[in-house]
C-alpha atoms as a PDB file:
ATOM      1  CA  MET A   1      11.443 -40.235 -62.846  1.00  0.00           C
ATOM      2  CA  ALA A   2      12.440 -41.125 -58.895  1.00  0.00           C
ATOM      3  CA  SER A   3       9.017 -41.352 -56.799  1.00  0.00           C
ATOM      4  CA  LEU A   4       8.233 -39.127 -53.855  1.00  0.00           C
ATOM      5  CA  LEU A   5       9.142 -41.756 -51.515  1.00  0.00           C
ATOM      6  CA  THR A   6      12.610 -42.216 -53.014  1.00  0.00           C
ATOM      7  CA  VAL A   7      13.062 -38.624 -52.529  1.00  0.00           C
ATOM      8  CA  ILE A   8      12.433 -38.598 -49.188  1.00  0.00           C
ATOM      9  CA  SER A   9      14.100 -41.502 -48.189  1.00  0.00           C
ATOM     10  CA  VAL A  10      17.283 -39.624 -49.853  1.00  0.00           C
ATOM     11  CA  HIS A  11      16.370 -36.913 -47.606  1.00  0.00           C
ATOM     12  CA  ALA A  12      16.564 -38.961 -44.684  1.00  0.00           C
ATOM     13  CA  LEU A  13      19.921 -40.326 -45.634  1.00  0.00           C
ATOM     14  CA  CYS A  14      21.610 -37.046 -46.670  1.00  0.00           C
ATOM     15  CA  GLY A  15      19.742 -35.252 -43.473  1.00  0.00           C
ATOM     16  CA  LEU A  16      19.992 -31.375 -42.793  1.00  0.00           C
ATOM     17  CA  ALA A  17      22.033 -30.833 -46.185  1.00  0.00           C
ATOM     18  CA  CYS A  18      18.963 -31.875 -48.094  1.00  0.00           C
ATOM     19  CA  TRP A  19      16.767 -29.548 -46.539  1.00  0.00           C
ATOM     20  CA  GLY A  20      19.032 -26.483 -47.105  1.00  0.00           C
ATOM     21  CA  VAL A  21      21.096 -26.888 -43.501  1.00  0.00           C
ATOM     22  CA  SER A  22      24.880 -27.110 -44.262  1.00  0.00           C
ATOM     23  CA  VAL A  23      26.539 -30.069 -42.133  1.00  0.00           C
ATOM     24  CA  HIS A  24      30.099 -29.957 -40.994  1.00  0.00           C
ATOM     25  CA  ALA A  25      30.547 -32.843 -39.085  1.00  0.00           C
ATOM     26  CA  GLY A  26      33.375 -32.477 -36.568  1.00  0.00           C
ATOM     27  CA  MET A  27      33.386 -29.053 -36.740  1.00  0.00           C
ATOM     28  CA  PRO A  28      33.302 -26.609 -33.474  1.00  0.00           C
ATOM     29  CA  ASP A  29      30.498 -24.731 -32.772  1.00  0.00           C
ATOM     30  CA  GLY A  30      31.678 -21.284 -33.953  1.00  0.00           C
ATOM     31  CA  GLY A  31      29.471 -18.562 -33.180  1.00  0.00           C
ATOM     32  CA  ALA A  32      26.687 -20.786 -31.587  1.00  0.00           C
ATOM     33  CA  PRO A  33      26.299 -20.549 -27.558  1.00  0.00           C
ATOM     34  CA  ASP A  34      28.069 -23.187 -25.644  1.00  0.00           C
ATOM     35  CA  PHE A  35      25.088 -25.363 -23.893  1.00  0.00           C
ATOM     36  CA  SER A  36      27.408 -27.911 -22.162  1.00  0.00           C
ATOM     37  CA  ALA A  37      26.085 -26.737 -19.014  1.00  0.00           C
ATOM     38  CA  TRP A  38      22.443 -27.578 -20.242  1.00  0.00           C
ATOM     39  CA  SER A  39      23.520 -30.833 -21.657  1.00  0.00           C
ATOM     40  CA  GLU A  40      24.676 -31.422 -17.715  1.00  0.00           C
ATOM     41  CA  VAL A  41      21.105 -30.156 -16.535  1.00  0.00           C
ATOM     42  CA  VAL A  42      19.284 -32.660 -18.919  1.00  0.00           C
ATOM     43  CA  SER A  43      21.484 -35.607 -18.534  1.00  0.00           C
ATOM     44  CA  THR A  44      21.352 -35.147 -14.791  1.00  0.00           C
ATOM     45  CA  HIS A  45      18.074 -34.168 -13.919  1.00  0.00           C
ATOM     46  CA  ILE A  46      15.920 -36.127 -16.368  1.00  0.00           C
ATOM     47  CA  ARG A  47      15.318 -39.808 -16.803  1.00  0.00           C
ATOM     48  CA  PRO A  48      13.446 -42.467 -18.562  1.00  0.00           C
ATOM     49  CA  GLY A  49      10.084 -43.556 -16.769  1.00  0.00           C
ATOM     50  CA  GLU A  50       6.272 -43.794 -17.219  1.00  0.00           C
ATOM     51  CA  LEU A  51       3.500 -41.284 -16.737  1.00  0.00           C
ATOM     52  CA  ALA A  52      -0.202 -41.931 -17.222  1.00  0.00           C
ATOM     53  CA  GLY A  53       1.281 -45.205 -18.824  1.00  0.00           C
ATOM     54  CA  VAL A  54       2.986 -43.411 -21.277  1.00  0.00           C
ATOM     55  CA  ALA A  55       6.729 -43.940 -21.551  1.00  0.00           C
ATOM     56  CA  VAL A  56       8.460 -40.618 -21.232  1.00  0.00           C
ATOM     57  CA  ASN A  57      11.659 -38.773 -19.968  1.00  0.00           C
ATOM     58  CA  VAL A  58      10.683 -37.682 -16.778  1.00  0.00           C
ATOM     59  CA  VAL A  59      11.808 -34.003 -15.806  1.00  0.00           C
ATOM     60  CA  ASN A  60      12.617 -33.504 -12.388  1.00  0.00           C
ATOM     61  CA  TYR A  61      12.020 -29.892 -12.159  1.00  0.00           C
ATOM     62  CA  SER A  62      12.779 -29.366  -8.518  1.00  0.00           C
ATOM     63  CA  ALA A  63      16.297 -30.594  -9.178  1.00  0.00           C
ATOM     64  CA  ILE A  64      16.767 -28.767 -12.364  1.00  0.00           C
ATOM     65  CA  ALA A  65      15.427 -25.429 -10.325  1.00  0.00           C
ATOM     66  CA  ALA A  66      18.044 -26.200  -7.881  1.00  0.00           C
ATOM     67  CA  ASP A  67      20.990 -26.582 -10.183  1.00  0.00           C
ATOM     68  CA  SER A  68      22.962 -23.567 -10.967  1.00  0.00           C
ATOM     69  CA  ASN A  69      23.552 -24.627 -14.554  1.00  0.00           C
ATOM     70  CA  PHE A  70      20.257 -23.809 -15.407  1.00  0.00           C
ATOM     71  CA  GLU A  71      20.376 -20.188 -14.442  1.00  0.00           C
ATOM     72  CA  ALA A  72      23.597 -19.986 -16.043  1.00  0.00           C
ATOM     73  CA  THR A  73      22.165 -21.185 -19.313  1.00  0.00           C
ATOM     74  CA  LEU A  74      19.472 -18.568 -18.952  1.00  0.00           C
ATOM     75  CA  ASN A  75      21.856 -16.156 -18.464  1.00  0.00           C
ATOM     76  CA  LEU A  76      24.177 -17.056 -21.456  1.00  0.00           C
ATOM     77  CA  VAL A  77      21.377 -17.243 -23.756  1.00  0.00           C
ATOM     78  CA  ALA A  78      19.988 -13.549 -22.395  1.00  0.00           C
ATOM     79  CA  LYS A  79      23.526 -12.534 -23.544  1.00  0.00           C
ATOM     80  CA  ALA A  80      24.396 -14.799 -26.653  1.00  0.00           C
ATOM     81  CA  SER A  81      24.656 -13.173 -29.873  1.00  0.00           C
ATOM     82  CA  VAL A  82      22.234 -15.050 -32.618  1.00  0.00           C
ATOM     83  CA  ALA A  83      22.415 -12.644 -35.520  1.00  0.00           C
ATOM     84  CA  ASN A  84      24.697 -14.326 -37.894  1.00  0.00           C
ATOM     85  CA  LEU A  85      24.297 -17.981 -37.041  1.00  0.00           C
ATOM     86  CA  THR A  86      25.014 -20.492 -39.740  1.00  0.00           C
ATOM     87  CA  ARG A  87      21.700 -22.819 -40.783  1.00  0.00           C
ATOM     88  CA  ASN A  88      23.468 -25.815 -38.216  1.00  0.00           C
ATOM     89  CA  GLU A  89      24.024 -23.576 -35.382  1.00  0.00           C
ATOM     90  CA  THR A  90      20.367 -22.025 -35.930  1.00  0.00           C
ATOM     91  CA  TYR A  91      18.715 -25.164 -35.403  1.00  0.00           C
ATOM     92  CA  ALA A  92      20.800 -26.544 -32.622  1.00  0.00           C
ATOM     93  CA  THR A  93      20.941 -23.222 -30.658  1.00  0.00           C
ATOM     94  CA  PHE A  94      17.099 -22.420 -31.037  1.00  0.00           C
ATOM     95  CA  ILE A  95      15.953 -26.114 -29.740  1.00  0.00           C
ATOM     96  CA  ASN A  96      18.160 -25.873 -27.171  1.00  0.00           C
ATOM     97  CA  ILE A  97      16.335 -22.358 -26.436  1.00  0.00           C
ATOM     98  CA  TYR A  98      12.926 -23.927 -26.782  1.00  0.00           C
ATOM     99  CA  ASN A  99      13.438 -26.478 -24.352  1.00  0.00           C
ATOM    100  CA  LEU A 100      14.900 -24.418 -22.157  1.00  0.00           C
ATOM    101  CA  PHE A 101      12.268 -22.118 -21.751  1.00  0.00           C
ATOM    102  CA  ALA A 102       9.649 -24.662 -21.841  1.00  0.00           C
ATOM    103  CA  ILE A 103      11.162 -25.895 -18.469  1.00  0.00           C
ATOM    104  CA  SER A 104      11.667 -22.253 -17.136  1.00  0.00           C
ATOM    105  CA  MET A 105       8.164 -21.789 -17.280  1.00  0.00           C
ATOM    106  CA  ILE A 106       7.233 -24.644 -15.174  1.00  0.00           C
ATOM    107  CA  ILE A 107       9.983 -23.592 -12.850  1.00  0.00           C
ATOM    108  CA  HIS A 108       9.375 -19.794 -12.758  1.00  0.00           C
ATOM    109  CA  ASN A 109       5.307 -20.669 -12.600  1.00  0.00           C
ATOM    110  CA  PRO A 110       4.742 -23.806 -10.661  1.00  0.00           C
ATOM    111  CA  CYS A 111       1.602 -23.063  -8.843  1.00  0.00           C
ATOM    112  CA  THR A 112      -1.709 -21.895  -9.411  1.00  0.00           C
ATOM    113  CA  LYS A 113      -3.552 -19.582  -6.916  1.00  0.00           C
ATOM    114  CA  SER A 114      -7.523 -19.073  -6.892  1.00  0.00           C
ATOM    115  CA  VAL A 115      -8.924 -15.811  -5.884  1.00  0.00           C
ATOM    116  CA  PHE A 116     -10.103 -17.135  -2.805  1.00  0.00           C
ATOM    117  CA  GLY A 117      -6.232 -17.853  -1.577  1.00  0.00           C
ATOM    118  CA  GLY A 118      -5.861 -21.577  -2.645  1.00  0.00           C
ATOM    119  CA  CYS A 119      -2.577 -22.471  -4.138  1.00  0.00           C
ATOM    120  CA  ALA A 120      -1.987 -25.912  -5.736  1.00  0.00           C
ATOM    121  CA  PRO A 121       0.712 -27.060  -8.482  1.00  0.00           C
ATOM    122  CA  ILE A 122      -0.112 -26.924 -12.116  1.00  0.00           C
ATOM    123  CA  LYS A 123      -0.892 -30.140 -13.741  1.00  0.00           C
ATOM    124  CA  SER A 124      -0.097 -28.810 -17.338  1.00  0.00           C
ATOM    125  CA  ILE A 125       1.835 -25.923 -18.674  1.00  0.00           C
ATOM    126  CA  LYS A 126      -1.700 -24.396 -20.169  1.00  0.00           C
ATOM    127  CA  ASP A 127      -2.417 -23.607 -16.712  1.00  0.00           C
ATOM    128  CA  ILE A 128       0.049 -20.987 -16.778  1.00  0.00           C
ATOM    129  CA  GLY A 129      -2.004 -18.867 -19.375  1.00  0.00           C
ATOM    130  CA  SER A 130      -5.688 -18.298 -19.669  1.00  0.00           C
ATOM    131  CA  LEU A 131      -7.908 -18.179 -23.014  1.00  0.00           C
ATOM    132  CA  LEU A 132      -6.891 -14.104 -23.602  1.00  0.00           C
ATOM    133  CA  SER A 133      -3.602 -14.813 -22.690  1.00  0.00           C
ATOM    134  CA  PRO A 134      -2.202 -18.086 -23.749  1.00  0.00           C
ATOM    135  CA  VAL A 135       1.189 -19.375 -22.290  1.00  0.00           C
ATOM    136  CA  TRP A 136       2.395 -19.667 -25.563  1.00  0.00           C
ATOM    137  CA  LYS A 137       2.317 -15.862 -26.451  1.00  0.00           C
ATOM    138  CA  LYS A 138       3.753 -14.948 -22.567  1.00  0.00           C
ATOM    139  CA  THR A 139       7.135 -14.042 -22.311  1.00  0.00           C
ATOM    140  CA  ALA A 140       9.223 -17.242 -21.734  1.00  0.00           C
ATOM    141  CA  GLY A 141      12.579 -15.575 -21.955  1.00  0.00           C
ATOM    142  CA  THR A 142      15.311 -13.344 -23.281  1.00  0.00           C
ATOM    143  CA  VAL A 143      17.800 -14.140 -26.241  1.00  0.00           C
ATOM    144  CA  GLY A 144      20.673 -11.661 -26.847  1.00  0.00           C
ATOM    145  CA  SER A 145      18.567  -9.069 -24.826  1.00  0.00           C
ATOM    146  CA  LYS A 146      15.379  -9.481 -26.865  1.00  0.00           C
ATOM    147  CA  SER A 147      12.079 -11.036 -25.323  1.00  0.00           C
ATOM    148  CA  TYR A 148      10.820 -14.459 -26.496  1.00  0.00           C
ATOM    149  CA  SER A 149       7.772 -16.169 -26.007  1.00  0.00           C
ATOM    150  CA  LEU A 150       7.101 -20.028 -26.909  1.00  0.00           C
ATOM    151  CA  ASP A 151       5.500 -19.251 -30.156  1.00  0.00           C
ATOM    152  CA  ASP A 152       8.135 -16.911 -31.209  1.00  0.00           C
ATOM    153  CA  VAL A 153      10.804 -19.789 -31.149  1.00  0.00           C
ATOM    154  CA  GLU A 154       8.621 -22.364 -32.456  1.00  0.00           C
ATOM    155  CA  ASN A 155       7.701 -19.944 -35.264  1.00  0.00           C
ATOM    156  CA  PHE A 156      11.293 -18.857 -35.940  1.00  0.00           C
ATOM    157  CA  LEU A 157      12.177 -23.001 -35.933  1.00  0.00           C
ATOM    158  CA  ARG A 158       9.236 -23.700 -38.608  1.00  0.00           C
ATOM    159  CA  SER A 159      10.637 -20.499 -40.707  1.00  0.00           C
ATOM    160  CA  PRO A 160      14.221 -20.107 -40.228  1.00  0.00           C
ATOM    161  CA  THR A 161      14.890 -17.440 -42.597  1.00  0.00           C
ATOM    162  CA  PRO A 162      16.621 -17.172 -44.489  1.00  0.00           C
ATOM    163  CA  PHE A 163      16.837 -21.163 -44.214  1.00  0.00           C
ATOM    164  CA  ARG A 164      14.441 -23.799 -45.252  1.00  0.00           C
ATOM    165  CA  GLU A 165      12.289 -25.538 -42.378  1.00  0.00           C
ATOM    166  CA  ASP A 166      13.297 -28.880 -41.614  1.00  0.00           C
ATOM    167  CA  PRO A 167      10.149 -30.541 -40.253  1.00  0.00           C
ATOM    168  CA  ARG A 168      11.822 -33.085 -38.023  1.00  0.00           C
ATOM    169  CA  VAL A 169      12.076 -30.111 -35.685  1.00  0.00           C
ATOM    170  CA  HIS A 170       8.598 -30.953 -34.337  1.00  0.00           C
ATOM    171  CA  ALA A 171      10.289 -33.893 -32.488  1.00  0.00           C
ATOM    172  CA  CYS A 172      12.889 -31.983 -31.203  1.00  0.00           C
ATOM    173  CA  ILE A 173      11.037 -29.187 -29.178  1.00  0.00           C
ATOM    174  CA  VAL A 174       9.062 -30.184 -26.287  1.00  0.00           C
ATOM    175  CA  CYS A 175       6.430 -28.407 -24.481  1.00  0.00           C
ATOM    176  CA  ALA A 176       6.523 -29.983 -20.947  1.00  0.00           C
ATOM    177  CA  SER A 177       3.483 -32.330 -21.693  1.00  0.00           C
ATOM    178  CA  ILE A 178       3.151 -36.203 -21.614  1.00  0.00           C
ATOM    179  CA  SER A 179       2.293 -36.246 -25.233  1.00  0.00           C
ATOM    180  CA  CYS A 180       5.251 -34.078 -26.534  1.00  0.00           C
ATOM    181  CA  PRO A 181       8.342 -35.656 -27.978  1.00  0.00           C
ATOM    182  CA  ASP A 182      10.856 -36.670 -25.333  1.00  0.00           C
ATOM    183  CA  VAL A 183      13.189 -34.117 -24.026  1.00  0.00           C
ATOM    184  CA  ARG A 184      16.644 -35.456 -25.120  1.00  0.00           C
ATOM    185  CA  LEU A 185      19.181 -36.484 -22.466  1.00  0.00           C
ATOM    186  CA  GLU A 186      21.927 -34.080 -23.866  1.00  0.00           C
ATOM    187  CA  ALA A 187      21.944 -30.672 -25.502  1.00  0.00           C
ATOM    188  CA  PHE A 188      21.578 -30.397 -29.505  1.00  0.00           C
ATOM    189  CA  THR A 189      24.980 -29.186 -30.656  1.00  0.00           C
ATOM    190  CA  VAL A 190      26.148 -28.090 -34.320  1.00  0.00           C
ATOM    191  CA  ASP A 191      28.227 -30.989 -35.011  1.00  0.00           C
ATOM    192  CA  LYS A 192      25.549 -33.714 -34.175  1.00  0.00           C
ATOM    193  CA  ILE A 193      22.361 -31.901 -35.325  1.00  0.00           C
ATOM    194  CA  ASP A 194      21.433 -33.922 -38.163  1.00  0.00           C
ATOM    195  CA  GLU A 195      21.713 -37.207 -36.300  1.00  0.00           C
ATOM    196  CA  GLN A 196      19.998 -35.886 -33.150  1.00  0.00           C
ATOM    197  CA  MET A 197      17.220 -34.537 -35.153  1.00  0.00           C
ATOM    198  CA  THR A 198      16.799 -37.808 -36.835  1.00  0.00           C
ATOM    199  CA  ASP A 199      16.926 -40.069 -33.833  1.00  0.00           C
ATOM    200  CA  GLN A 200      14.415 -37.665 -32.049  1.00  0.00           C
ATOM    201  CA  MET A 201      11.776 -38.278 -34.962  1.00  0.00           C
ATOM    202  CA  THR A 202      12.728 -41.780 -34.822  1.00  0.00           C
ATOM    203  CA  LYS A 203      12.138 -42.458 -30.886  1.00  0.00           C
ATOM    204  CA  PHE A 204       9.203 -40.596 -31.484  1.00  0.00           C
ATOM    205  CA  LEU A 205       7.456 -42.602 -33.569  1.00  0.00           C
ATOM    206  CA  SER A 206       8.847 -45.741 -31.853  1.00  0.00           C
ATOM    207  CA  ASN A 207       6.769 -44.478 -28.942  1.00  0.00           C
ATOM    208  CA  PRO A 208       3.343 -46.690 -29.725  1.00  0.00           C
ATOM    209  CA  LYS A 209       1.194 -44.494 -26.891  1.00  0.00           C
ATOM    210  CA  LYS A 210       2.046 -40.953 -28.270  1.00  0.00           C
ATOM    211  CA  GLY A 211       4.080 -41.305 -31.573  1.00  0.00           C
ATOM    212  CA  MET A 212       2.600 -43.845 -33.704  1.00  0.00           C
ATOM    213  CA  THR A 213       1.165 -47.167 -33.821  1.00  0.00           C
ATOM    214  CA  LEU A 214      -0.266 -49.543 -36.322  1.00  0.00           C
ATOM    215  CA  ASP A 215      -3.375 -51.564 -36.606  1.00  0.00           C
ATOM    216  CA  LYS A 216      -3.016 -54.123 -39.710  1.00  0.00           C
ATOM    217  CA  ALA A 217      -6.388 -55.322 -39.527  1.00  0.00           C
ATOM    218  CA  SER A 218      -7.956 -51.793 -40.130  1.00  0.00           C
ATOM    219  CA  LYS A 219      -4.909 -50.501 -42.146  1.00  0.00           C
ATOM    220  CA  THR A 220      -5.034 -47.487 -39.723  1.00  0.00           C
ATOM    221  CA  VAL A 221      -1.789 -45.541 -38.424  1.00  0.00           C
ATOM    222  CA  THR A 222      -2.520 -43.521 -35.443  1.00  0.00           C
ATOM    223  CA  LEU A 223      -0.010 -40.773 -35.289  1.00  0.00           C
ATOM    224  CA  SER A 224       0.556 -37.632 -32.617  1.00  0.00           C
ATOM    225  CA  PRO A 225      -1.701 -35.005 -33.319  1.00  0.00           C
ATOM    226  CA  ILE A 226       1.510 -32.966 -34.157  1.00  0.00           C
ATOM    227  CA  PHE A 227       1.288 -34.565 -37.582  1.00  0.00           C
ATOM    228  CA  ASN A 228      -2.215 -33.338 -38.054  1.00  0.00           C
ATOM    229  CA  TRP A 229      -1.575 -29.855 -35.938  1.00  0.00           C
ATOM    230  CA  PHE A 230       1.434 -29.403 -38.613  1.00  0.00           C
ATOM    231  CA  ALA A 231       0.363 -31.167 -41.446  1.00  0.00           C
ATOM    232  CA  GLY A 232       1.434 -28.379 -43.901  1.00  0.00           C
ATOM    233  CA  ASP A 233       4.984 -28.683 -42.863  1.00  0.00           C
ATOM    234  CA  PHE A 234       5.066 -32.297 -43.539  1.00  0.00           C
ATOM    235  CA  VAL A 235       3.524 -32.169 -46.936  1.00  0.00           C
ATOM    236  CA  ALA A 236       5.522 -29.263 -48.094  1.00  0.00           C
ATOM    237  CA  ALA A 237       8.869 -31.076 -47.355  1.00  0.00           C
ATOM    238  CA  ALA A 238       7.533 -34.612 -48.502  1.00  0.00           C
ATOM    239  CA  GLY A 239       3.859 -34.616 -50.557  1.00  0.00           C
ATOM    240  CA  SER A 240       2.114 -36.371 -47.838  1.00  0.00           C
ATOM    241  CA  VAL A 241       2.615 -36.928 -43.865  1.00  0.00           C
ATOM    242  CA  LYS A 242       2.550 -40.572 -44.878  1.00  0.00           C
ATOM    243  CA  ASN A 243       5.840 -39.938 -46.837  1.00  0.00           C
ATOM    244  CA  PHE A 244       7.563 -37.967 -44.439  1.00  0.00           C
ATOM    245  CA  ILE A 245       7.217 -40.448 -41.693  1.00  0.00           C
ATOM    246  CA  MET A 246       8.479 -43.492 -43.973  1.00  0.00           C
ATOM    247  CA  PRO A 247      12.403 -43.082 -43.372  1.00  0.00           C
ATOM    248  CA  PHE A 248      11.618 -42.849 -39.414  1.00  0.00           C
ATOM    249  CA  ILE A 249       9.766 -45.986 -38.837  1.00  0.00           C
ATOM    250  CA  ALA A 250      12.079 -48.232 -37.121  1.00  0.00           C
ATOM    251  CA  ASP A 251      10.261 -51.659 -37.251  1.00  0.00           C
ATOM    252  CA  GLN A 252      10.856 -52.592 -40.826  1.00  0.00           C
ATOM    253  CA  ASP A 253       7.959 -55.122 -40.891  1.00  0.00           C
ATOM    254  CA  VAL A 254       5.738 -51.855 -40.080  1.00  0.00           C
ATOM    255  CA  ALA A 255       7.510 -49.638 -42.652  1.00  0.00           C
ATOM    256  CA  SER A 256       7.054 -52.166 -45.251  1.00  0.00           C
ATOM    257  CA  PHE A 257       3.159 -52.599 -44.627  1.00  0.00           C
ATOM    258  CA  VAL A 258       2.553 -48.859 -44.171  1.00  0.00           C
ATOM    259  CA  ARG A 259       4.472 -48.385 -47.651  1.00  0.00           C
ATOM    260  CA  SER A 260       2.906 -51.057 -49.315  1.00  0.00           C
ATOM    261  CA  ASN A 261      -1.203 -50.064 -48.073  1.00  0.00           C
ATOM    262  CA  ASP A 262      -3.430 -47.630 -48.568  1.00  0.00           C
ATOM    263  CA  VAL A 263      -3.496 -46.661 -44.871  1.00  0.00           C
ATOM    264  CA  THR A 264      -5.729 -44.137 -43.316  1.00  0.00           C
ATOM    265  CA  LEU A 265      -4.369 -41.668 -40.350  1.00  0.00           C
ATOM    266  CA  GLN A 266      -5.701 -40.943 -37.142  1.00  0.00           C
ATOM    267  CA  TYR A 267      -4.366 -39.261 -34.206  1.00  0.00           C
ATOM    268  CA  PHE A 268      -4.156 -39.886 -30.483  1.00  0.00           C
ATOM    269  CA  ASP A 269      -5.943 -37.561 -27.776  1.00  0.00           C
ATOM    270  CA  TYR A 270      -3.028 -35.245 -26.691  1.00  0.00           C
ATOM    271  CA  ASP A 271      -2.097 -35.730 -22.857  1.00  0.00           C
ATOM    272  CA  TRP A 272      -1.174 -32.096 -21.851  1.00  0.00           C
ATOM    273  CA  ASN A 273      -0.386 -33.163 -18.202  1.00  0.00           C
ATOM    274  CA  LEU A 274       3.089 -32.448 -17.497  1.00  0.00           C
ATOM    275  CA  ASN A 275       5.967 -34.526 -17.868  1.00  0.00           C
ATOM    276  CA  GLY A 276       6.885 -34.236 -14.567  1.00  0.00           C
ATOM    277  CA  ALA A 277       5.886 -32.862 -10.941  1.00  0.00           C
ATOM    278  CA  ALA A 278       5.875 -29.145 -10.902  1.00  0.00           C
ATOM    279  CA  PRO A 279       8.160 -27.439  -8.249  1.00  0.00           C
ATOM    280  CA  CYS A 280       5.165 -25.723  -6.411  1.00  0.00           C
ATOM    281  CA  GLN A 281       5.998 -24.918  -2.330  1.00  0.00           C
ATOM    282  CA  CYS A 282       2.588 -23.466  -1.307  1.00  0.00           C
END
């Protein structure tokens, strides 16, 4: 009988097809919205950089706010028909929507204002909400005339009925924070969704400040808290968090050590500071 590690390795090689998601390489987008304008936005206004000592794709929120392609994409999504999307279309469409809406939340809520009239740029997406009304529950945008919060989009991607969840999605959706996975410098597309999701997870785990790092002496692997918060998703897919991450560890020496040893998992602190300056003009 094949080991569970072999099974998850095979999953990594065949990608979305193994998660129950049809793959049609080279096929056009079909019924999915055309996110070419969004691709222009992220490729033009997001650049690799460093914030708080962490390598991150830095978002220029002010430039995005001024780009007509940003509002055009919001309008496109608001009118889109998403009722009968294929599996590939579902993932590409709703990953793009999450990232679009997260950026939109920062652009449309860039300042904090006190009861005494003070005004300052928000430092975190969480500043937009409160304990009783968190930002994740607030309306973030409209999809096909239906209002969605960020939680609504994320929860749908984690359980995209009638399809199975692909946990690689956790490396694709970006909550506008330094410790989040990086915003991809292109839109997710139906014909490339499998390789894009694998690339996102691989790059995330290759970041030693927020994705993964290994201390061989103590046999300790430090991971993003995302692997702790959503551990159930990774366990359901591969039997354990360790089994899930193995195919996405780019450094083969590290992969060999983790595979061969009973490592302890621990998690980074999460930096919720924005992945770019809020466009506040108080």
